[in-house]
């Protein structure tokens, strides 16, 4: 069994780190790279940067933020939002990212998944899914930061995307995001049961028990955290220590 990764998620609007509830009602938190450096120093395994308004502009605007981060941060960085082509993905990787997360463009053009996987490697191609529950054990994929319905069943979509070359899944519950009520464990389990690639659970972590349940029951390979660390309700060091004490297989912080 691989180590469970503890990932800091940074949602960006313009120059600011923001936080939302249900992907709406954005609140400015501060300078993203100040927080990124803090999380790196606390021992985060990875960082995720998401340009949450990129769909409004048609492209990702995080290149300069990533270039600055790459000067001082030496853990994997995934960047998403507004990436619509292999060229866009290449630009983000050249800025210092290790992986790109794609949602809207992948749904509009599923072949983009294969193109990025073939050109840049499947390990770079992260499928981002914004999922909303529409019935018991049934979720619909949304685009444009949780604003647009697609009609796609999340489980069927994730199976197709992995077949096309997606090397990892960033799975965000719209219903739970920002609520501190815990991850949608049933959603995560439904996805991990049908794919062999790593799945990152995102949306809803409020306490350590939420991490434990999404790993032990949902079988997530990684957890993305925002609210709990942005608002200093806990640190990544503390979360890692508590996870180790709870018997989870996480990297011991050196």
Protein backbone atom coordinates (compact mmCIF):
# COMPACT_ATOMS: atom_id res chain seq x y z
CA UNK A 1 0.00 0.00 0.00
CA UNK A 2 1.35 3.41 -0.96
CA UNK A 3 1.62 6.28 1.49
CA UNK A 4 -1.49 8.42 1.76
CA UNK A 5 -0.56 11.91 0.55
CA UNK A 6 -1.53 15.03 2.46
CA UNK A 7 -2.11 17.80 -0.07
CA UNK A 8 -2.74 21.50 0.46
CA UNK A 9 -5.27 22.89 -2.01
CA UNK A 10 -5.06 26.55 -3.00
CA UNK A 11 -7.96 28.01 -4.97
CA UNK A 12 -6.93 31.22 -6.72
CA UNK A 13 -8.89 34.18 -8.06
CA UNK A 14 -6.67 36.79 -9.68
CA UNK A 15 -3.72 37.34 -7.32
CA UNK A 16 -5.55 36.06 -4.23
CA UNK A 17 -5.96 32.80 -2.38
CA UNK A 18 -9.69 32.36 -1.79
CA UNK A 19 -12.03 29.93 -0.08
CA UNK A 20 -15.59 29.05 -0.98
CA UNK A 21 -18.53 26.98 0.20
CA UNK A 22 -20.05 24.65 -2.43
CA UNK A 23 -17.60 26.37 -4.84
CA UNK A 24 -19.52 29.64 -4.34
CA UNK A 25 -19.28 32.75 -2.16
CA UNK A 26 -15.56 33.33 -2.51
CA UNK A 27 -13.73 34.82 0.47
CA UNK A 28 -10.24 36.29 0.11
CA UNK A 29 -7.71 34.57 2.40
CA UNK A 30 -4.41 36.20 1.38
CA UNK A 31 -1.32 35.86 -0.78
CA UNK A 32 -1.24 32.32 -2.23
CA UNK A 33 2.52 31.91 -2.14
CA UNK A 34 2.77 32.95 1.50
CA UNK A 35 0.40 30.12 2.31
CA UNK A 36 2.11 27.73 -0.12
CA UNK A 37 5.49 28.27 1.52
CA UNK A 38 3.93 27.77 4.95
CA UNK A 39 2.38 24.47 3.90
CA UNK A 40 5.62 23.35 2.28
CA UNK A 41 7.49 24.10 5.49
CA UNK A 42 4.84 22.23 7.48
CA UNK A 43 5.52 19.13 5.41
CA UNK A 44 2.76 18.98 2.80
CA UNK A 45 3.37 16.17 0.33
CA UNK A 46 2.02 18.17 -2.60
CA UNK A 47 0.24 21.39 -3.53
CA UNK A 48 -2.76 21.87 -5.79
CA UNK A 49 -3.36 25.29 -7.37
CA UNK A 50 -6.75 25.84 -9.00
CA UNK A 51 -7.60 28.97 -10.99
CA UNK A 52 -11.27 29.11 -10.03
CA UNK A 53 -12.31 31.77 -12.58
CA UNK A 54 -10.18 30.61 -15.50
CA UNK A 55 -13.23 29.45 -17.44
CA UNK A 56 -14.43 33.05 -17.59
CA UNK A 57 -11.25 34.07 -19.40
CA UNK A 58 -10.66 30.92 -21.39
CA UNK A 59 -7.15 30.30 -20.07
CA UNK A 60 -5.16 29.69 -16.92
CA UNK A 61 -3.55 32.75 -15.32
CA UNK A 62 -1.34 31.03 -12.76
CA UNK A 63 1.97 30.90 -14.64
CA UNK A 64 3.57 33.76 -12.72
CA UNK A 65 2.32 32.51 -9.36
CA UNK A 66 3.73 29.05 -10.14
CA UNK A 67 7.06 30.49 -11.31
CA UNK A 68 7.39 32.32 -8.00
CA UNK A 69 6.39 29.25 -6.01
CA UNK A 70 8.85 27.01 -7.83
CA UNK A 71 11.76 29.15 -6.57
CA UNK A 72 11.17 28.10 -2.96
CA UNK A 73 8.98 25.01 -3.03
CA UNK A 74 10.32 21.58 -3.91
CA UNK A 75 7.34 19.26 -3.74
CA UNK A 76 5.01 18.29 -6.60
CA UNK A 77 2.59 20.99 -7.73
CA UNK A 78 -0.60 20.34 -9.69
CA UNK A 79 -2.20 23.26 -11.52
CA UNK A 80 -5.73 23.38 -12.90
CA UNK A 81 -8.31 25.73 -14.33
CA UNK A 82 -8.62 26.94 -17.92
CA UNK A 83 -6.16 24.48 -19.46
CA UNK A 84 -7.62 23.72 -22.87
CA UNK A 85 -4.80 22.33 -24.98
CA UNK A 86 -1.49 20.47 -24.93
CA UNK A 87 0.17 23.85 -25.42
CA UNK A 88 -1.56 25.27 -22.34
CA UNK A 89 -0.46 22.24 -20.33
CA UNK A 90 3.11 22.54 -21.59
CA UNK A 91 3.23 26.21 -20.60
CA UNK A 92 2.13 25.41 -17.05
CA UNK A 93 4.70 22.62 -16.74
CA UNK A 94 7.44 24.94 -18.00
CA UNK A 95 6.42 27.44 -15.32
CA UNK A 96 7.23 24.84 -12.68
CA UNK A 97 4.18 22.63 -12.26
CA UNK A 98 4.53 18.85 -12.23
CA UNK A 99 0.96 17.97 -13.23
CA UNK A 100 -2.06 19.62 -14.83
CA UNK A 101 -5.65 19.12 -13.70
CA UNK A 102 -8.31 19.37 -16.40
CA UNK A 103 -12.08 19.36 -16.07
CA UNK A 104 -14.10 21.47 -18.51
CA UNK A 105 -11.86 21.00 -21.54
CA UNK A 106 -11.67 17.24 -20.97
CA UNK A 107 -15.46 16.98 -20.99
CA UNK A 108 -15.73 19.16 -24.09
CA UNK A 109 -12.96 17.23 -25.85
CA UNK A 110 -12.16 13.84 -24.23
CA UNK A 111 -9.39 13.25 -26.76
CA UNK A 112 -7.43 16.01 -24.99
CA UNK A 113 -6.85 13.52 -22.17
CA UNK A 114 -5.09 11.15 -24.56
CA UNK A 115 -3.17 13.95 -26.25
CA UNK A 116 -1.73 15.23 -22.96
CA UNK A 117 -1.02 11.72 -21.68
CA UNK A 118 0.81 10.79 -24.88
CA UNK A 119 2.78 14.03 -25.17
CA UNK A 120 3.55 14.76 -21.52
CA UNK A 121 2.97 11.42 -19.76
CA UNK A 122 -0.11 10.04 -18.06
CA UNK A 123 1.40 10.92 -14.66
CA UNK A 124 0.99 14.61 -15.64
CA UNK A 125 -2.65 14.23 -16.69
CA UNK A 126 -4.96 14.69 -13.70
CA UNK A 127 -8.68 14.54 -14.36
CA UNK A 128 -10.48 17.05 -12.16
CA UNK A 129 -14.09 16.16 -11.38
CA UNK A 130 -16.61 18.44 -9.69
CA UNK A 131 -19.33 16.06 -8.52
CA UNK A 132 -22.84 16.82 -7.26
CA UNK A 133 -25.15 14.15 -5.89
CA UNK A 134 -28.40 13.86 -7.85
CA UNK A 135 -29.78 10.61 -6.39
CA UNK A 136 -28.69 7.94 -3.90
CA UNK A 137 -25.28 6.68 -5.02
CA UNK A 138 -25.44 8.75 -8.20
CA UNK A 139 -23.45 11.90 -8.98
CA UNK A 140 -23.33 14.26 -11.96
CA UNK A 141 -20.13 15.90 -13.20
CA UNK A 142 -20.18 19.70 -13.32
CA UNK A 143 -17.91 22.20 -15.08
CA UNK A 144 -16.98 25.87 -14.77
CA UNK A 145 -16.24 25.71 -11.05
CA UNK A 146 -19.44 23.87 -10.20
CA UNK A 147 -21.75 26.12 -12.20
CA UNK A 148 -22.66 24.05 -15.26
CA UNK A 149 -24.36 20.67 -15.45
CA UNK A 150 -22.99 18.19 -17.97
CA UNK A 151 -25.41 15.28 -17.75
CA UNK A 152 -22.42 12.96 -17.29
CA UNK A 153 -22.50 10.27 -14.65
CA UNK A 154 -19.35 10.65 -12.56
CA UNK A 155 -18.57 6.93 -12.34
CA UNK A 156 -19.02 6.34 -16.07
CA UNK A 157 -17.03 9.47 -16.92
CA UNK A 158 -14.10 8.54 -14.69
CA UNK A 159 -13.89 5.07 -16.22
CA UNK A 160 -13.79 6.54 -19.72
CA UNK A 161 -11.20 9.16 -18.75
CA UNK A 162 -8.83 6.61 -17.22
CA UNK A 163 -9.18 4.48 -20.34
CA UNK A 164 -8.19 7.55 -22.38
CA UNK A 165 -5.05 8.09 -20.30
CA UNK A 166 -5.84 10.05 -17.13
CA UNK A 167 -3.21 9.11 -14.57
CA UNK A 168 -4.86 10.52 -11.46
CA UNK A 169 -8.27 11.78 -10.32
CA UNK A 170 -8.93 14.95 -8.31
CA UNK A 171 -12.44 14.32 -7.00
CA UNK A 172 -14.22 17.32 -5.46
CA UNK A 173 -17.64 17.05 -3.84
CA UNK A 174 -19.58 20.23 -4.57
CA UNK A 175 -22.07 19.30 -1.84
CA UNK A 176 -19.40 19.01 0.87
CA UNK A 177 -16.83 21.57 -0.26
CA UNK A 178 -16.22 24.22 2.39
CA UNK A 179 -18.80 22.78 4.81
CA UNK A 180 -16.43 21.10 7.32
CA UNK A 181 -18.89 18.17 7.32
CA UNK A 182 -16.42 15.62 6.01
CA UNK A 183 -15.73 14.10 2.62
CA UNK A 184 -18.42 12.42 0.55
CA UNK A 185 -17.07 8.98 1.36
CA UNK A 186 -19.66 7.20 -0.78
CA UNK A 187 -18.64 9.26 -3.80
CA UNK A 188 -14.96 8.53 -3.25
CA UNK A 189 -15.63 4.82 -2.75
CA UNK A 190 -17.74 4.69 -5.92
CA UNK A 191 -14.81 6.06 -7.91
CA UNK A 192 -11.97 4.12 -6.27
CA UNK A 193 -13.90 0.89 -6.90
CA UNK A 194 -13.81 1.36 -10.68
CA UNK A 195 -10.35 2.81 -11.37
CA UNK A 196 -6.81 1.71 -10.65
CA UNK A 197 -5.21 5.17 -10.72
CA UNK A 198 -4.75 7.30 -7.58
CA UNK A 199 -7.78 9.25 -6.36
CA UNK A 200 -7.48 12.51 -4.40
CA UNK A 201 -10.48 13.23 -2.18
CA UNK A 202 -11.33 16.93 -1.98
CA UNK A 203 -14.09 18.91 -0.32
CA UNK A 204 -15.28 18.88 3.25
CA UNK A 205 -12.46 17.99 5.62
CA UNK A 206 -13.30 19.40 9.02
CA UNK A 207 -11.46 17.12 11.42
CA UNK A 208 -9.04 14.19 11.49
CA UNK A 209 -11.83 11.61 11.60
CA UNK A 210 -12.88 12.79 8.14
CA UNK A 211 -9.46 11.91 6.78
CA UNK A 212 -9.49 8.52 8.48
CA UNK A 213 -12.90 7.57 7.06
CA UNK A 214 -12.17 8.66 3.48
CA UNK A 215 -8.96 6.64 3.52
CA UNK A 216 -10.19 3.54 5.34
CA UNK A 217 -13.70 3.40 3.88
CA UNK A 218 -13.42 5.45 0.71
CA UNK A 219 -9.95 4.07 -0.10
CA UNK A 220 -8.66 7.47 -1.19
CA UNK A 221 -4.97 7.64 -2.09
CA UNK A 222 -4.65 11.28 -1.04
CA UNK A 223 -6.63 14.04 0.65
CA UNK A 224 -6.73 17.68 -0.41
CA UNK A 225 -7.21 20.15 2.44
CA UNK A 226 -8.04 23.85 2.41
CA UNK A 227 -10.40 25.28 5.03
CA UNK A 228 -8.89 23.33 7.94
CA UNK A 229 -5.40 24.69 7.26
CA UNK A 230 -6.24 28.10 5.76
CA UNK A 231 -8.08 29.13 8.91
CA UNK A 232 -5.40 27.65 11.20
CA UNK A 233 -7.79 25.14 12.73
CA UNK A 234 -4.97 22.64 12.35
CA UNK A 235 -1.55 22.41 10.71
CA UNK A 236 -0.30 19.81 8.30
CA UNK A 237 2.27 18.77 10.91
CA UNK A 238 -0.52 18.12 13.42
CA UNK A 239 -2.67 16.29 10.89
CA UNK A 240 0.25 14.08 9.87
CA UNK A 241 1.10 13.27 13.48
CA UNK A 242 -2.49 12.41 14.32
CA UNK A 243 -2.81 10.30 11.16
CA UNK A 244 0.30 8.32 12.11
CA UNK A 245 -1.08 7.80 15.61
CA UNK A 246 -4.33 6.57 14.08
CA UNK A 247 -2.39 3.95 12.11
CA UNK A 248 -2.66 5.52 8.66
CA UNK A 249 0.19 4.95 6.27
CA UNK A 250 1.43 8.50 5.75
CA UNK A 251 4.95 9.76 5.23
CA UNK A 252 6.69 10.51 8.52
CA UNK A 253 7.74 14.17 8.52
CA UNK A 254 11.49 14.59 8.76
